[in-house]
N, C-alpha and C. Protein backbone atom coordinates (compact mmCIF):
# COMPACT_ATOMS: atom_id res chain seq x y z
N MET A 1 14.30 -15.84 -9.49
CA MET A 1 15.50 -16.53 -9.21
C MET A 1 15.13 -17.83 -8.37
N ILE A 2 14.39 -17.67 -7.40
CA ILE A 2 14.01 -18.85 -6.62
C ILE A 2 13.19 -19.87 -7.57
N GLU A 3 12.35 -19.34 -8.32
CA GLU A 3 11.59 -20.29 -9.26
C GLU A 3 12.42 -21.05 -10.22
N THR A 4 13.53 -20.41 -10.76
CA THR A 4 14.47 -21.11 -11.77
C THR A 4 15.29 -22.18 -10.87
N ARG A 5 15.81 -21.65 -9.77
CA ARG A 5 16.69 -22.66 -9.22
C ARG A 5 15.83 -23.90 -8.45
N PHE A 6 14.72 -23.58 -8.08
CA PHE A 6 13.93 -24.57 -7.34
C PHE A 6 13.24 -25.54 -8.37
N ASN A 7 12.64 -25.05 -9.38
CA ASN A 7 11.86 -25.78 -10.30
C ASN A 7 12.78 -26.58 -11.31
N LEU A 8 13.52 -25.73 -12.08
CA LEU A 8 14.44 -26.30 -13.08
C LEU A 8 15.77 -26.88 -12.67
N ASP A 9 16.47 -26.14 -11.93
CA ASP A 9 17.75 -26.70 -11.41
C ASP A 9 17.67 -27.86 -10.22
N LYS A 10 16.48 -27.85 -9.61
CA LYS A 10 16.30 -28.81 -8.50
C LYS A 10 17.20 -28.61 -7.40
N LYS A 11 17.73 -27.37 -7.12
CA LYS A 11 18.67 -26.99 -6.09
C LYS A 11 17.84 -27.21 -4.71
N SER A 12 18.54 -27.45 -3.72
CA SER A 12 18.00 -27.48 -2.31
C SER A 12 17.68 -26.06 -1.89
N LYS A 13 16.75 -26.09 -0.85
CA LYS A 13 16.36 -24.78 -0.25
C LYS A 13 17.58 -24.13 0.36
N LYS A 14 18.45 -25.06 1.08
CA LYS A 14 19.69 -24.39 1.58
C LYS A 14 20.53 -23.79 0.58
N LYS A 15 20.74 -24.47 -0.49
CA LYS A 15 21.64 -23.87 -1.43
C LYS A 15 21.13 -22.63 -2.24
N ILE A 16 19.91 -22.69 -2.45
CA ILE A 16 19.31 -21.48 -2.91
C ILE A 16 19.41 -20.37 -1.99
N ALA A 17 19.24 -20.47 -0.79
CA ALA A 17 19.53 -19.33 0.35
C ALA A 17 20.96 -18.89 0.33
N GLU A 18 21.77 -19.93 0.17
CA GLU A 18 23.38 -19.40 0.01
C GLU A 18 23.50 -18.65 -1.27
N LEU A 19 22.95 -18.94 -2.40
CA LEU A 19 23.08 -18.15 -3.61
C LEU A 19 22.54 -16.74 -3.52
N LEU A 20 21.40 -16.62 -2.68
CA LEU A 20 20.82 -15.36 -2.73
C LEU A 20 21.25 -14.64 -1.45
N TYR A 21 22.24 -15.03 -0.67
CA TYR A 21 22.78 -14.43 0.56
C TYR A 21 21.49 -14.22 1.55
N LYS A 22 20.66 -15.07 1.73
CA LYS A 22 19.49 -14.97 2.64
C LYS A 22 19.56 -16.12 3.54
N ARG A 23 18.90 -16.08 4.57
CA ARG A 23 18.68 -17.15 5.70
C ARG A 23 17.93 -18.21 5.07
N GLU A 24 18.20 -19.53 5.56
CA GLU A 24 17.49 -20.70 4.92
C GLU A 24 16.06 -20.58 5.34
N ARG A 25 15.69 -20.13 6.47
CA ARG A 25 14.41 -20.09 6.91
C ARG A 25 13.55 -19.09 6.23
N THR A 26 14.13 -17.91 5.91
CA THR A 26 13.45 -16.99 4.96
C THR A 26 13.14 -17.67 3.63
N ASN A 27 13.91 -18.47 3.12
CA ASN A 27 13.82 -19.06 1.76
C ASN A 27 12.75 -20.09 1.85
N ARG A 28 12.79 -20.96 3.00
CA ARG A 28 11.70 -21.88 3.17
C ARG A 28 10.33 -21.23 3.29
N ARG A 29 10.18 -20.17 3.96
CA ARG A 29 8.74 -19.52 4.06
C ARG A 29 8.37 -19.09 2.64
N GLU A 30 9.25 -18.57 1.99
CA GLU A 30 8.88 -17.94 0.56
C GLU A 30 8.45 -19.21 -0.26
N ILE A 31 9.14 -20.25 -0.29
CA ILE A 31 8.87 -21.35 -1.25
C ILE A 31 7.53 -21.87 -0.69
N LYS A 32 7.23 -21.94 0.65
CA LYS A 32 6.01 -22.61 1.22
C LYS A 32 4.71 -21.73 0.82
N SER A 33 4.97 -20.40 0.65
CA SER A 33 3.89 -19.59 0.37
C SER A 33 3.55 -19.49 -1.19
N GLY A 34 4.46 -20.07 -1.98
CA GLY A 34 4.17 -20.02 -3.43
C GLY A 34 4.16 -21.37 -3.94
N LYS A 35 4.05 -22.50 -3.23
CA LYS A 35 4.06 -23.79 -3.63
C LYS A 35 2.72 -24.26 -4.32
N VAL A 36 2.71 -24.71 -5.41
CA VAL A 36 1.39 -25.12 -6.07
C VAL A 36 1.80 -26.47 -6.57
N ILE A 37 0.56 -27.23 -6.93
CA ILE A 37 0.60 -28.58 -7.55
C ILE A 37 0.33 -28.32 -8.93
N ILE A 38 1.21 -28.71 -9.92
CA ILE A 38 0.88 -28.58 -11.32
C ILE A 38 0.92 -29.94 -11.96
N ARG A 39 0.02 -30.06 -12.86
CA ARG A 39 -0.06 -31.50 -13.61
C ARG A 39 0.84 -31.25 -14.90
N ASN A 40 1.81 -32.06 -15.02
CA ASN A 40 2.66 -31.98 -16.23
C ASN A 40 2.11 -32.76 -17.33
N TYR A 41 2.82 -32.92 -18.41
CA TYR A 41 2.32 -33.65 -19.65
C TYR A 41 2.16 -35.03 -19.55
N LEU A 42 2.62 -35.65 -18.56
CA LEU A 42 2.27 -37.00 -18.26
C LEU A 42 1.15 -37.24 -17.41
N TRP A 43 0.49 -36.15 -16.91
CA TRP A 43 -0.63 -36.19 -15.97
C TRP A 43 -0.18 -36.56 -14.55
N GLU A 44 1.05 -36.25 -14.31
CA GLU A 44 1.55 -36.47 -13.00
C GLU A 44 1.50 -35.12 -12.25
N ASP A 45 1.17 -35.27 -10.91
CA ASP A 45 1.08 -34.01 -10.06
C ASP A 45 2.47 -33.70 -9.55
N VAL A 46 2.88 -32.45 -9.86
CA VAL A 46 4.38 -32.04 -9.40
C VAL A 46 4.20 -30.80 -8.60
N LYS A 47 4.82 -30.75 -7.38
CA LYS A 47 4.87 -29.53 -6.70
C LYS A 47 6.03 -28.75 -7.13
N GLU A 48 5.64 -27.48 -7.42
CA GLU A 48 6.53 -26.42 -7.98
C GLU A 48 6.32 -25.06 -7.26
N TYR A 49 7.23 -24.16 -7.38
CA TYR A 49 7.14 -22.91 -6.76
C TYR A 49 6.87 -21.89 -7.84
N SER A 50 5.85 -21.02 -7.48
CA SER A 50 5.37 -19.92 -8.44
C SER A 50 5.51 -18.61 -7.75
N ALA A 51 6.35 -17.87 -8.31
CA ALA A 51 6.45 -16.48 -7.75
C ALA A 51 5.21 -15.63 -7.83
N ARG A 52 4.33 -15.79 -8.79
CA ARG A 52 3.26 -15.15 -9.14
C ARG A 52 2.19 -15.37 -7.96
N ILE A 53 2.09 -16.78 -7.71
CA ILE A 53 1.09 -17.28 -6.63
C ILE A 53 1.60 -16.61 -5.35
N ALA A 54 2.76 -16.70 -5.02
CA ALA A 54 3.31 -16.18 -3.79
C ALA A 54 2.91 -14.68 -3.65
N GLN A 55 3.15 -13.90 -4.73
CA GLN A 55 2.83 -12.49 -4.60
C GLN A 55 1.23 -12.19 -4.51
N ASP A 56 0.41 -13.00 -5.16
CA ASP A 56 -0.99 -12.91 -5.02
C ASP A 56 -1.47 -13.16 -3.77
N LYS A 57 -0.89 -14.23 -3.05
CA LYS A 57 -1.16 -14.53 -1.77
C LYS A 57 -0.79 -13.40 -0.74
N TYR A 58 0.26 -12.77 -0.89
CA TYR A 58 0.86 -11.64 -0.06
C TYR A 58 -0.12 -10.43 -0.27
N GLU A 59 -0.48 -10.13 -1.58
CA GLU A 59 -1.40 -8.97 -1.71
C GLU A 59 -2.73 -9.16 -1.16
N TYR A 60 -3.26 -10.38 -1.28
CA TYR A 60 -4.58 -10.78 -0.70
C TYR A 60 -4.53 -10.62 0.92
N GLU A 61 -3.57 -11.08 1.48
CA GLU A 61 -3.30 -10.98 2.97
C GLU A 61 -3.24 -9.51 3.37
N MET A 62 -2.59 -8.63 2.52
CA MET A 62 -2.54 -7.26 2.85
C MET A 62 -3.96 -6.44 2.80
N THR A 63 -4.90 -7.02 2.21
CA THR A 63 -6.13 -6.36 2.11
C THR A 63 -6.86 -6.43 3.46
N ASP A 64 -6.54 -7.35 4.30
CA ASP A 64 -7.20 -7.40 5.72
C ASP A 64 -6.68 -6.44 6.63
N LYS A 65 -5.55 -5.80 6.38
CA LYS A 65 -4.93 -4.90 7.27
C LYS A 65 -5.77 -3.55 7.25
N GLY A 66 -5.33 -2.78 8.39
CA GLY A 66 -6.01 -1.45 8.45
C GLY A 66 -7.16 -1.32 9.32
N PRO A 67 -7.60 -0.08 9.62
CA PRO A 67 -8.70 0.02 10.45
C PRO A 67 -10.03 -0.60 9.83
N SER A 68 -11.00 -1.09 10.75
CA SER A 68 -12.25 -1.49 10.28
C SER A 68 -13.19 -0.32 9.77
N LEU A 69 -14.10 -0.69 8.99
CA LEU A 69 -15.08 0.36 8.51
C LEU A 69 -15.97 0.87 9.65
N LYS A 70 -16.29 2.14 9.59
CA LYS A 70 -17.24 2.70 10.60
C LYS A 70 -18.63 2.80 9.76
N LEU A 71 -19.52 1.99 10.15
CA LEU A 71 -20.95 2.11 9.49
C LEU A 71 -21.91 2.49 10.29
N ASP A 72 -21.50 3.24 11.34
CA ASP A 72 -22.67 3.82 12.28
C ASP A 72 -23.38 4.92 11.75
């Protein structure tokens, strides 16, 4: 939903937050975590949001949680 509204519809972060009934700050954090630079067909760098990238970053950060290994 965020991907479509942000990339294709060019809606503002505030408007997307209103559509999703979420706070604007939550939406900004989500977009920040999934923002990537993509080169389009004219070889221009474009900043877009990718939900897959955001999820991959989240899952990677979760691997650092938990107790440390006991190697004694």
